[in-house]
Amino acid sequence: MREIRIVFMGTPEFAVTILSGLLEEGYNVVGVITAPDRPAGRGQKLRKSDVKAYAEAHNLPILQPTNLKDTSFIEELKALNANLQIVVAFRMLPKVVWEMPDYGTFNLHASLLPQYRGAAPINWAIINGETETGVTTFFIDDKIDTGEIILQEKITIDDKENAGHLHDRLMIAGKSLVIKTVQSIENKEVKTYVQNDDFQLKTAYKLHSENTKINWTAPLQDIYNLIRGLSPYPSAYTILENGGKEQRVKIYNAFAKAESQMYIPPGAVTIADDHLAIATPEGYICITEMQLSGKKKMAVKDLLNGYKFDKNAKMR
């Protein structure tokens, strides 16, 4: 059995769960690499990453490079004398970093590679209506998410769950898979296989204002999948026209209601007791939780107590 000395690289909550799993299993984490503190909130106070906060609480050595090719950082990394690096929700590494440890550098990715390479695999799996996804560990190479696969674990996607719920389930599955991967390296049992690109691949594109806006003329199921695939973050949005004013609206929770014949213009707003029914060519998207620009996120039934929609209100 090999003696393992780990450098862990990550930034968000997802990565914290994996790091905690390594410590719980008694692995020697000799250093943590995470993003520099960044201004956040109205006061623009510096905010440490979730991984940094966890590492500080567990007295782990921390490095926060702005440039991963910087000579001083490379020397500090070498001085940690790690023989394995684990990357979870970090950023692309230069070759000088990923080839450094004797036992390699592996990444945990929240999809069944080679499908959904890229920045937002959890969101896009739901947006595209997948019924299955999973987690993958693979050795990093000089491209993004293309290295040789070590292990995978599949999970089913419920047809009503949102990205936040799926994120949490994949986080737990990823924790287990990373431990299994380290054990296989530790016991000299690791086996890998090359990713097969000989079929149509779907990409987990970065999310931005163009691909998170709702098109009310799209198929009903596609709109519903977009809403749950972007909830709770960054959230699907639309523009509300009401009372001669326009404002951006984020939609967090909704359900789809199919209607065989629709004569109402897409985007038209109908008020129900506890939701807003927004017309589509195939039925209604019934919004139950939303956020008006500059306001708090709230249940639609509460919003309707104080906010008035005129008869010509519409989403676009």
Protein backbone atom coordinates (compact mmCIF):
# COMPACT_ATOMS: atom_id res chain seq x y z
CA MET A 1 0.00 0.00 0.00
CA ARG A 2 1.24 3.45 -0.93
CA GLU A 3 1.54 6.34 1.49
CA ILE A 4 -0.66 9.11 0.11
CA ARG A 5 0.04 12.84 0.53
CA ILE A 6 -2.75 14.93 -0.99
CA VAL A 7 -3.01 18.49 -2.24
CA PHE A 8 -6.68 19.38 -2.64
CA MET A 9 -7.87 22.07 -5.08
CA GLY A 10 -11.38 23.50 -4.96
CA THR A 11 -13.51 26.53 -4.14
CA PRO A 12 -17.32 26.08 -3.55
CA GLU A 13 -19.47 24.11 -1.14
CA PHE A 14 -19.49 21.10 -3.48
CA ALA A 15 -15.72 20.81 -3.00
CA VAL A 16 -15.96 21.19 0.80
CA THR A 17 -17.98 17.98 1.07
CA ILE A 18 -15.32 16.08 -0.86
CA LEU A 19 -12.49 17.54 1.24
CA SER A 20 -14.33 16.68 4.45
CA GLY A 21 -14.71 13.10 3.22
CA LEU A 22 -10.97 12.77 2.71
CA LEU A 23 -10.27 13.98 6.26
CA GLU A 24 -12.98 11.73 7.70
CA GLU A 25 -11.25 8.76 6.05
CA GLY A 26 -7.96 9.78 7.66
CA TYR A 27 -6.13 10.82 4.51
CA ASN A 28 -3.16 13.17 4.84
CA VAL A 29 -4.11 16.44 3.15
CA VAL A 30 -0.86 18.42 3.14
CA GLY A 31 -2.26 21.52 1.46
CA VAL A 32 -5.34 23.20 0.01
CA ILE A 33 -5.38 25.40 -3.09
CA THR A 34 -8.37 27.69 -3.48
CA ALA A 35 -9.44 30.95 -5.12
CA PRO A 36 -8.28 34.31 -3.73
CA ASP A 37 -10.70 36.17 -1.46
CA ARG A 38 -13.08 38.29 -3.53
CA PRO A 39 -15.29 41.33 -2.84
CA ALA A 40 -18.92 40.35 -2.33
CA GLY A 41 -22.22 41.91 -1.29
CA ARG A 42 -23.25 45.53 -1.10
CA GLY A 43 -20.31 46.47 1.08
CA GLN A 44 -17.88 44.68 -1.25
CA LYS A 45 -16.14 43.13 1.74
CA LEU A 46 -13.63 40.42 0.95
CA ARG A 47 -15.21 36.98 1.12
CA LYS A 48 -13.24 33.78 1.52
CA SER A 49 -14.21 30.70 -0.45
CA ASP A 50 -16.14 27.89 1.22
CA VAL A 51 -13.08 25.67 0.89
CA LYS A 52 -10.82 28.24 2.54
CA ALA A 53 -13.20 28.63 5.47
CA TYR A 54 -13.27 24.85 5.95
CA ALA A 55 -9.49 24.50 5.57
CA GLU A 56 -8.88 27.24 8.15
CA ALA A 57 -11.21 25.53 10.61
CA HIS A 58 -9.19 22.32 10.20
CA ASN A 59 -5.75 23.98 10.29
CA LEU A 60 -4.80 22.94 6.76
CA PRO A 61 -2.09 24.85 4.87
CA ILE A 62 -3.71 27.14 2.28
CA LEU A 63 -2.43 28.66 -0.95
CA GLN A 64 -4.48 31.21 -2.95
CA PRO A 65 -2.61 31.89 -6.20
CA THR A 66 -3.90 34.41 -8.72
CA ASN A 67 -1.59 32.95 -11.36
CA LEU A 68 -1.13 29.18 -11.39
CA LYS A 69 2.03 29.54 -13.48
CA ASP A 70 3.69 31.97 -11.08
CA THR A 71 7.17 30.77 -10.07
CA SER A 72 6.67 31.45 -6.37
CA PHE A 73 3.42 29.46 -6.33
CA ILE A 74 5.03 26.53 -8.16
CA GLU A 75 7.81 26.47 -5.57
CA GLU A 76 5.33 26.60 -2.69
CA LEU A 77 3.36 23.76 -4.26
CA LYS A 78 6.48 21.63 -4.69
CA ALA A 79 7.42 22.27 -1.07
CA LEU A 80 4.21 20.59 0.09
CA ASN A 81 5.69 17.35 -1.29
CA ALA A 82 2.35 15.87 -2.33
CA ASN A 83 2.22 12.72 -4.44
CA LEU A 84 -1.47 13.06 -5.43
CA GLN A 85 -3.56 16.09 -6.35
CA ILE A 86 -7.36 16.12 -6.31
CA VAL A 87 -9.34 18.81 -8.12
CA VAL A 88 -13.03 19.56 -7.47
CA ALA A 89 -14.74 22.64 -8.97
CA PHE A 90 -11.56 24.63 -9.43
CA ARG A 91 -10.08 25.94 -12.66
CA MET A 92 -7.98 24.66 -15.54
CA LEU A 93 -4.48 23.73 -14.41
CA PRO A 94 -1.27 24.32 -16.36
CA LYS A 95 0.78 21.26 -17.21
CA VAL A 96 3.52 22.21 -14.75
CA VAL A 97 0.94 21.81 -11.96
CA TRP A 98 -1.04 18.72 -13.00
CA GLU A 99 1.99 16.66 -13.92
CA MET A 100 3.83 17.43 -10.67
CA PRO A 101 2.73 14.61 -8.30
CA ASP A 102 4.02 11.05 -8.75
CA TYR A 103 0.54 9.48 -8.65
CA GLY A 104 -1.07 12.09 -10.89
CA THR A 105 -3.81 14.71 -10.60
CA PHE A 106 -7.41 13.63 -10.85
CA ASN A 107 -10.61 15.63 -11.15
CA LEU A 108 -14.17 14.96 -10.01
CA HIS A 109 -16.73 16.01 -12.63
CA ALA A 110 -20.49 16.06 -12.07
CA SER A 111 -21.53 14.20 -15.21
CA LEU A 112 -21.01 10.90 -16.97
CA LEU A 113 -18.08 11.90 -19.15
CA PRO A 114 -17.60 12.37 -22.03
CA GLN A 115 -21.11 13.83 -21.89
CA TYR A 116 -21.49 17.33 -20.47
CA ARG A 117 -17.91 18.49 -20.40
CA GLY A 118 -17.78 22.08 -19.27
CA ALA A 119 -18.81 24.54 -16.59
CA ALA A 120 -22.43 23.66 -15.77
CA PRO A 121 -23.06 19.90 -16.15
CA ILE A 122 -25.70 19.64 -13.42
CA ASN A 123 -27.83 22.41 -14.90
CA TRP A 124 -27.62 21.21 -18.49
CA ALA A 125 -28.52 17.62 -17.65
CA ILE A 126 -31.87 18.85 -16.32
CA ILE A 127 -32.35 21.54 -18.97
CA ASN A 128 -31.94 18.90 -21.67
CA GLY A 129 -34.41 16.55 -19.99
CA GLU A 130 -31.95 13.78 -19.12
CA THR A 131 -33.19 10.97 -16.92
CA GLU A 132 -29.71 9.88 -15.84
CA THR A 133 -26.44 11.55 -14.88
CA GLY A 134 -23.65 10.84 -12.44
CA VAL A 135 -20.12 11.61 -11.32
CA THR A 136 -16.77 10.79 -12.91
CA THR A 137 -13.18 10.80 -11.71
CA PHE A 138 -10.49 11.15 -14.36
CA PHE A 139 -6.81 12.00 -14.63
CA ILE A 140 -6.29 15.54 -15.89
CA ASP A 141 -4.59 16.16 -19.22
CA ASP A 142 -3.96 19.31 -21.27
CA LYS A 143 -7.59 19.73 -22.38
CA ILE A 144 -10.83 20.32 -20.46
CA ASP A 145 -12.53 17.21 -19.02
CA THR A 146 -10.96 14.86 -21.59
CA GLY A 147 -8.52 12.78 -19.52
CA GLU A 148 -8.62 9.02 -18.95
CA ILE A 149 -11.57 7.95 -16.81
CA ILE A 150 -10.92 6.19 -13.51
CA LEU A 151 -14.38 5.57 -12.04
CA GLN A 152 -18.01 6.57 -12.63
CA GLU A 153 -21.24 6.30 -10.69
CA LYS A 154 -24.69 6.77 -12.26
CA ILE A 155 -27.76 8.26 -10.61
CA THR A 156 -31.27 8.80 -11.95
CA ILE A 157 -32.80 12.27 -12.29
CA ASP A 158 -36.32 12.68 -10.93
CA ASP A 159 -38.59 14.44 -13.41
CA LYS A 160 -39.51 17.08 -10.82
CA GLU A 161 -36.22 17.78 -9.06
CA ASN A 162 -34.30 21.00 -9.61
CA ALA A 163 -30.60 21.68 -10.01
CA GLY A 164 -30.12 22.44 -6.32
CA HIS A 165 -31.47 19.07 -5.25
CA LEU A 166 -29.50 17.22 -7.91
CA HIS A 167 -26.36 19.16 -6.92
CA ASP A 168 -26.67 17.87 -3.35
CA ARG A 169 -27.17 14.27 -4.44
CA LEU A 170 -24.22 14.41 -6.81
CA MET A 171 -22.12 15.97 -4.07
CA ILE A 172 -22.71 12.96 -1.83
CA ALA A 173 -22.10 10.54 -4.70
CA GLY A 174 -18.92 12.43 -5.57
CA LYS A 175 -17.64 12.18 -2.02
CA SER A 176 -17.94 8.40 -2.15
CA LEU A 177 -16.41 8.16 -5.63
CA VAL A 178 -13.37 10.26 -4.70
CA ILE A 179 -12.69 8.02 -1.70
CA LYS A 180 -12.94 4.91 -3.90
CA THR A 181 -10.59 6.54 -6.43
CA VAL A 182 -7.98 7.39 -3.79
CA GLN A 183 -8.22 3.85 -2.40
CA SER A 184 -7.59 2.38 -5.85
CA ILE A 185 -4.49 4.57 -6.26
CA GLU A 186 -3.35 3.81 -2.73
CA ASN A 187 -3.69 0.05 -3.32
CA LYS A 188 -2.08 0.16 -6.79
CA GLU A 189 -5.34 -1.08 -8.30
CA VAL A 190 -6.24 1.92 -10.43
CA LYS A 191 -7.38 1.18 -13.97
CA THR A 192 -8.30 3.80 -16.54
CA TYR A 193 -9.91 3.94 -19.96
CA VAL A 194 -9.88 6.54 -22.70
CA GLN A 195 -13.02 8.63 -23.20
CA ASN A 196 -15.02 7.60 -26.25
CA ASP A 197 -15.83 10.58 -28.48
CA ASP A 198 -17.25 8.50 -31.34
CA PHE A 199 -20.86 9.61 -30.82
CA GLN A 200 -22.82 12.83 -30.40
CA LEU A 201 -21.69 14.72 -27.32
CA LYS A 202 -23.62 17.31 -25.33
CA THR A 203 -21.75 20.25 -23.81
CA ALA A 204 -22.27 21.92 -20.43
CA TYR A 205 -21.95 25.48 -21.67
CA LYS A 206 -21.31 28.34 -19.27
CA LEU A 207 -24.59 29.92 -18.18
CA HIS A 208 -25.26 33.52 -19.19
CA SER A 209 -28.13 35.93 -19.81
CA GLU A 210 -28.92 34.56 -23.27
CA ASN A 211 -29.29 30.88 -22.39
CA THR A 212 -31.12 31.43 -19.09
CA LYS A 213 -33.97 33.59 -20.51
CA ILE A 214 -37.32 31.87 -21.02
CA ASN A 215 -38.77 31.68 -24.52
CA TRP A 216 -42.53 31.41 -23.99
CA THR A 217 -43.04 30.06 -27.52
CA ALA A 218 -40.87 27.01 -26.78
CA PRO A 219 -42.39 23.56 -26.02
CA LEU A 220 -43.98 23.38 -22.57
CA GLN A 221 -41.63 20.68 -21.27
CA ASP A 222 -38.56 22.57 -22.45
CA ILE A 223 -39.61 25.67 -20.51
CA TYR A 224 -40.32 23.60 -17.40
CA ASN A 225 -36.94 21.87 -17.68
CA LEU A 226 -35.19 25.22 -18.05
CA ILE A 227 -36.81 26.56 -14.88
CA ARG A 228 -35.92 23.56 -12.74
CA GLY A 229 -32.50 23.21 -14.35
CA LEU A 230 -31.60 26.75 -13.29
CA SER A 231 -33.17 26.70 -9.82
CA PRO A 232 -32.08 27.95 -7.37
CA TYR A 233 -29.06 29.40 -9.17
CA PRO A 234 -28.66 31.30 -11.41
CA SER A 235 -32.44 30.97 -12.06
CA ALA A 236 -34.41 31.26 -15.26
CA TYR A 237 -35.69 34.74 -15.94
CA THR A 238 -38.20 36.61 -18.04
CA ILE A 239 -39.32 40.19 -18.59
CA LEU A 240 -42.68 41.15 -17.06
CA GLU A 241 -44.71 43.83 -18.81
CA ASN A 242 -47.30 45.13 -16.35
CA GLY A 243 -49.03 48.49 -16.04
CA GLY A 244 -46.85 50.10 -18.68
CA LYS A 245 -43.65 49.08 -16.91
CA GLU A 246 -41.08 46.37 -17.56
CA GLN A 247 -39.04 44.49 -15.01
CA ARG A 248 -36.91 41.40 -14.84
CA VAL A 249 -38.39 38.44 -12.98
CA LYS A 250 -36.56 35.35 -11.71
CA ILE A 251 -38.56 32.15 -11.55
CA TYR A 252 -37.62 29.52 -8.96
CA ASN A 253 -40.50 27.06 -8.78
CA ALA A 254 -43.27 26.14 -11.20
CA PHE A 255 -45.23 23.24 -12.59
CA ALA A 256 -46.38 22.49 -16.12
CA LYS A 257 -50.03 22.11 -17.08
CA ALA A 258 -50.70 20.81 -20.60
CA GLU A 259 -53.71 22.00 -22.61
CA SER A 260 -54.60 20.43 -25.95
CA GLN A 261 -55.86 23.64 -27.54
CA MET A 262 -54.36 27.01 -26.74
CA TYR A 263 -55.75 30.24 -28.12
CA ILE A 264 -54.04 32.54 -25.63
CA PRO A 265 -50.90 34.40 -26.78
CA PRO A 266 -47.65 32.93 -25.35
CA GLY A 267 -46.57 34.86 -22.28
CA ALA A 268 -50.06 36.02 -21.28
CA VAL A 269 -50.55 36.07 -17.49
CA THR A 270 -53.56 34.49 -15.76
CA ILE A 271 -53.92 34.84 -12.00
CA ALA A 272 -54.91 31.80 -9.93
CA ASP A 273 -55.33 31.43 -6.16
CA ASP A 274 -51.70 30.54 -5.42
CA HIS A 275 -49.84 30.82 -8.72
CA LEU A 276 -49.49 32.66 -11.99
CA ALA A 277 -50.36 30.70 -15.13
CA ILE A 278 -48.22 31.80 -18.07
CA ALA A 279 -49.47 30.74 -21.49
CA THR A 280 -47.35 28.67 -23.88
CA PRO A 281 -48.40 27.03 -27.18
CA GLU A 282 -48.97 23.71 -25.36
CA GLY A 283 -50.39 24.81 -22.03
CA TYR A 284 -49.34 26.76 -18.98
CA ILE A 285 -46.28 27.20 -16.83
CA CYS A 286 -47.74 27.73 -13.36
CA ILE A 287 -45.32 29.81 -11.29
CA THR A 288 -45.40 29.25 -7.52
CA GLU A 289 -42.20 31.04 -6.45
CA MET A 290 -40.54 34.05 -8.07
CA GLN A 291 -38.60 37.25 -7.47
CA LEU A 292 -39.38 40.68 -8.85
CA SER A 293 -36.42 42.90 -9.63
CA GLY A 294 -35.20 44.58 -6.44
CA LYS A 295 -37.47 42.47 -4.23
CA LYS A 296 -37.11 39.32 -2.16
CA LYS A 297 -37.81 35.85 -3.48
CA MET A 298 -41.31 34.88 -2.38
CA ALA A 299 -44.21 32.52 -2.92
CA VAL A 300 -46.62 33.80 -5.56
CA LYS A 301 -49.57 33.41 -3.15
CA ASP A 302 -47.85 35.92 -0.84
CA LEU A 303 -46.90 38.22 -3.72
CA LEU A 304 -50.54 38.41 -4.81
CA ASN A 305 -51.50 39.89 -1.45
CA GLY A 306 -49.84 43.17 -2.33
CA TYR A 307 -48.85 43.20 -6.01
CA LYS A 308 -51.40 43.84 -8.74
CA PHE A 309 -51.32 42.49 -12.28
CA ASP A 310 -53.36 44.29 -14.91
CA LYS A 311 -55.48 42.39 -17.44
CA ASN A 312 -52.88 42.86 -20.18
CA ALA A 313 -49.88 41.73 -18.15
CA LYS A 314 -47.53 39.42 -20.01
CA MET A 315 -44.12 37.77 -19.85
CA ARG A 316 -41.69 37.98 -22.72
